[in-house]
């Protein structure tokens, strides 16, 4: 699957990507079929996937749903160490919590959980276009805002990108041993 290959090329250290090509393909099959997720994909003039974004309308339950609907449990058994960390411990707390994902600022706010652009396409407005598409699709579903998490580290260009698009700080969280800034954006009703 072209989307899975691009994901692994653009986000090799993402939790999804570290679990291997097979899980990445299963992840995107799930997201594409899920009524609780939005998958936005952009293609170039030759119909190649060059950018994508995934939004969860129920981010507080996505890990639990992935455990049930994908080979996540198998991937965790096959690859018990991911990025130098014990893979199961990365998912355990999020998957078993009934009340919400760790660090979720507010239940019910959709979350942009992944966004990436082929490096050859960066700087061409693809990221902005993805965010506009996501916002439009969220507006159609009646959402008034959405959030994104980005790593709290010096030099993280994503923080500037999101700030330029009108995202505002809404706290911080720690997930899988990494500190994240949580940013939100209000969706204009028009």
Protein backbone atom coordinates (compact mmCIF):
# COMPACT_ATOMS: atom_id res chain seq x y z
CA UNK A 1 0.00 0.00 0.00
CA UNK A 2 1.45 3.30 -1.17
CA UNK A 3 0.16 5.25 1.84
CA UNK A 4 1.84 2.84 4.29
CA UNK A 5 5.18 3.17 2.48
CA UNK A 6 4.98 6.97 2.55
CA UNK A 7 4.07 6.90 6.24
CA UNK A 8 7.14 4.79 7.05
CA UNK A 9 9.36 7.02 4.90
CA UNK A 10 8.10 10.28 6.44
CA UNK A 11 7.53 9.10 10.02
CA UNK A 12 9.99 6.24 10.61
CA UNK A 13 10.02 6.82 14.38
CA UNK A 14 6.25 7.07 14.83
CA UNK A 15 4.69 4.45 17.08
CA UNK A 16 2.65 3.14 14.14
CA UNK A 17 5.67 3.02 11.84
CA UNK A 18 7.92 1.31 14.35
CA UNK A 19 5.56 -1.66 14.50
CA UNK A 20 6.37 -2.60 10.92
CA UNK A 21 4.97 -2.40 7.41
CA UNK A 22 2.30 -5.03 8.05
CA UNK A 23 0.84 -3.10 10.99
CA UNK A 24 1.02 0.22 9.13
CA UNK A 25 -1.05 -1.27 6.28
CA UNK A 26 -3.58 -2.69 8.78
CA UNK A 27 -3.72 0.68 10.57
CA UNK A 28 -4.66 2.50 7.35
CA UNK A 29 -7.21 -0.15 6.34
CA UNK A 30 -8.82 0.33 9.74
CA UNK A 31 -8.73 4.14 9.59
CA UNK A 32 -10.18 4.17 6.07
CA UNK A 33 -13.17 2.06 7.17
CA UNK A 34 -13.72 3.52 10.64
CA UNK A 35 -16.69 5.84 11.17
CA UNK A 36 -14.69 7.45 14.00
CA UNK A 37 -11.68 8.44 11.92
CA UNK A 38 -11.11 10.73 8.95
CA UNK A 39 -8.40 9.95 6.42
CA UNK A 40 -7.36 12.79 4.13
CA UNK A 41 -4.99 11.91 1.30
CA UNK A 42 -3.45 14.12 -1.36
CA UNK A 43 -2.09 12.88 -4.65
CA UNK A 44 0.18 14.54 -7.17
CA UNK A 45 -0.44 14.95 -10.89
CA UNK A 46 0.78 11.36 -11.48
CA UNK A 47 -1.73 10.08 -8.88
CA UNK A 48 0.96 9.23 -6.30
CA UNK A 49 0.15 9.72 -2.61
CA UNK A 50 2.20 12.71 -1.45
CA UNK A 51 0.53 13.75 1.81
CA UNK A 52 -1.92 12.44 4.35
CA UNK A 53 -3.63 13.24 7.63
CA UNK A 54 -5.59 11.13 10.09
CA UNK A 55 -8.12 12.58 12.53
CA UNK A 56 -9.83 10.62 15.27
CA UNK A 57 -13.28 11.75 16.36
CA UNK A 58 -12.83 9.62 19.49
CA UNK A 59 -9.12 9.83 20.32
CA UNK A 60 -9.73 8.69 23.88
CA UNK A 61 -10.63 5.20 22.59
CA UNK A 62 -8.48 4.77 19.49
CA UNK A 63 -5.83 2.56 21.10
CA UNK A 64 -8.44 0.24 22.52
CA UNK A 65 -10.19 0.07 19.13
CA UNK A 66 -6.89 -0.63 17.36
CA UNK A 67 -6.22 -3.51 19.75
CA UNK A 68 -9.55 -5.07 18.85
CA UNK A 69 -9.74 -4.34 15.11
CA UNK A 70 -6.13 -4.64 13.88
CA UNK A 71 -3.20 -6.99 14.46
CA UNK A 72 -1.82 -4.55 17.04
CA UNK A 73 -1.62 -7.18 19.79
CA UNK A 74 0.27 -9.50 17.42
CA UNK A 75 2.57 -6.67 16.34
CA UNK A 76 3.35 -5.95 19.98
CA UNK A 77 4.20 -9.61 20.57
CA UNK A 78 6.36 -9.88 17.45
CA UNK A 79 8.15 -6.59 18.11
CA UNK A 80 8.29 -6.39 21.91
CA UNK A 81 10.92 -3.63 21.80
CA UNK A 82 10.12 -0.58 19.70
CA UNK A 83 12.43 2.41 19.56
CA UNK A 84 14.31 1.13 22.59
CA UNK A 85 11.13 0.90 24.68
CA UNK A 86 8.97 -2.04 25.63
CA UNK A 87 6.19 -1.84 23.03
CA UNK A 88 3.39 -3.27 25.17
CA UNK A 89 3.97 -0.70 27.89
CA UNK A 90 3.59 2.04 25.26
CA UNK A 91 0.02 0.95 24.56
CA UNK A 92 -1.11 -0.72 27.78
CA UNK A 93 -2.34 2.29 29.71
CA UNK A 94 -4.07 3.89 26.73
CA UNK A 95 -5.69 0.65 25.64
CA UNK A 96 -7.20 -0.36 28.99
CA UNK A 97 -8.40 2.99 30.25
CA UNK A 98 -12.13 3.34 29.89
CA UNK A 99 -12.12 7.02 30.78
CA UNK A 100 -9.80 8.42 28.15
CA UNK A 101 -6.30 8.55 26.77
CA UNK A 102 -3.47 9.90 28.93
CA UNK A 103 -3.14 13.66 28.67
CA UNK A 104 -6.35 14.20 26.73
CA UNK A 105 -7.29 17.81 27.54
CA UNK A 106 -11.00 17.26 26.90
CA UNK A 107 -12.93 14.19 25.84
CA UNK A 108 -14.95 14.61 22.68
CA UNK A 109 -12.59 16.95 20.87
CA UNK A 110 -11.38 15.37 17.61
CA UNK A 111 -7.61 14.98 17.37
CA UNK A 112 -5.34 15.26 14.36
CA UNK A 113 -3.24 12.21 15.20
CA UNK A 114 -1.03 12.05 12.11
CA UNK A 115 -0.06 14.40 9.32
CA UNK A 116 2.83 14.05 6.92
CA UNK A 117 4.02 15.29 3.55
CA UNK A 118 6.51 13.69 1.18
CA UNK A 119 9.76 15.67 1.65
CA UNK A 120 9.85 16.39 -2.11
CA UNK A 121 6.44 18.08 -1.78
CA UNK A 122 7.12 20.14 1.35
CA UNK A 123 6.88 23.90 0.99
CA UNK A 124 4.18 23.63 -1.68
CA UNK A 125 1.17 24.20 0.58
CA UNK A 126 0.30 20.52 0.97
CA UNK A 127 0.22 20.69 4.79
CA UNK A 128 -2.01 23.77 4.79
CA UNK A 129 -4.27 22.12 2.26
CA UNK A 130 -4.54 18.98 4.41
CA UNK A 131 -5.49 21.04 7.46
CA UNK A 132 -8.16 22.90 5.42
CA UNK A 133 -9.58 19.57 4.20
CA UNK A 134 -9.59 18.13 7.71
CA UNK A 135 -11.31 21.23 9.05
CA UNK A 136 -13.94 21.10 6.30
CA UNK A 137 -14.71 17.45 6.99
CA UNK A 138 -14.89 18.10 10.73
CA UNK A 139 -17.21 21.05 10.14
CA UNK A 140 -19.52 18.74 8.13
CA UNK A 141 -19.68 16.46 11.18
CA UNK A 142 -20.54 19.34 13.50
CA UNK A 143 -17.20 19.66 15.31
CA UNK A 144 -16.41 23.08 16.76
CA UNK A 145 -12.70 22.52 17.39
CA UNK A 146 -9.92 19.98 17.09
CA UNK A 147 -6.55 19.39 18.69
CA UNK A 148 -3.11 18.19 17.75
CA UNK A 149 -0.12 17.05 19.78
CA UNK A 150 3.39 17.91 18.73
CA UNK A 151 6.64 17.10 20.45
CA UNK A 152 7.85 19.63 23.02
CA UNK A 153 11.40 19.90 21.80
CA UNK A 154 13.53 22.78 20.61
CA UNK A 155 13.59 23.15 16.86
CA UNK A 156 10.29 21.33 16.24
CA UNK A 157 9.14 23.08 13.05
CA UNK A 158 5.63 21.63 13.45
CA UNK A 159 4.96 23.99 16.37
CA UNK A 160 5.48 27.01 14.11
CA UNK A 161 3.46 25.42 11.31
CA UNK A 162 0.46 24.85 13.59
CA UNK A 163 0.77 28.30 15.20
CA UNK A 164 0.72 29.92 11.73
CA UNK A 165 -2.54 28.05 11.04
CA UNK A 166 -4.20 29.45 14.17
CA UNK A 167 -3.67 26.62 16.64
CA UNK A 168 -3.28 27.86 20.20
CA UNK A 169 -1.60 26.20 23.20
CA UNK A 170 -3.98 24.09 25.27
CA UNK A 171 -1.66 22.35 27.69
CA UNK A 172 0.81 19.52 27.53
CA UNK A 173 0.83 15.76 27.87
CA UNK A 174 3.26 12.91 28.17
CA UNK A 175 2.60 9.92 25.97
CA UNK A 176 4.85 6.92 25.50
CA UNK A 177 7.57 8.67 27.50
CA UNK A 178 7.60 11.74 25.25
CA UNK A 179 6.37 15.22 26.23
CA UNK A 180 3.93 16.87 23.82
CA UNK A 181 2.43 20.33 23.48
CA UNK A 182 -1.33 20.12 22.95
CA UNK A 183 -2.67 22.75 20.56
CA UNK A 184 -6.28 23.43 19.58
CA UNK A 185 -7.95 25.20 16.71
CA UNK A 186 -11.51 26.49 16.61
CA UNK A 187 -13.38 25.58 13.44
CA UNK A 188 -15.10 28.52 11.79
CA UNK A 189 -18.75 27.63 11.14
CA UNK A 190 -18.76 29.18 7.63
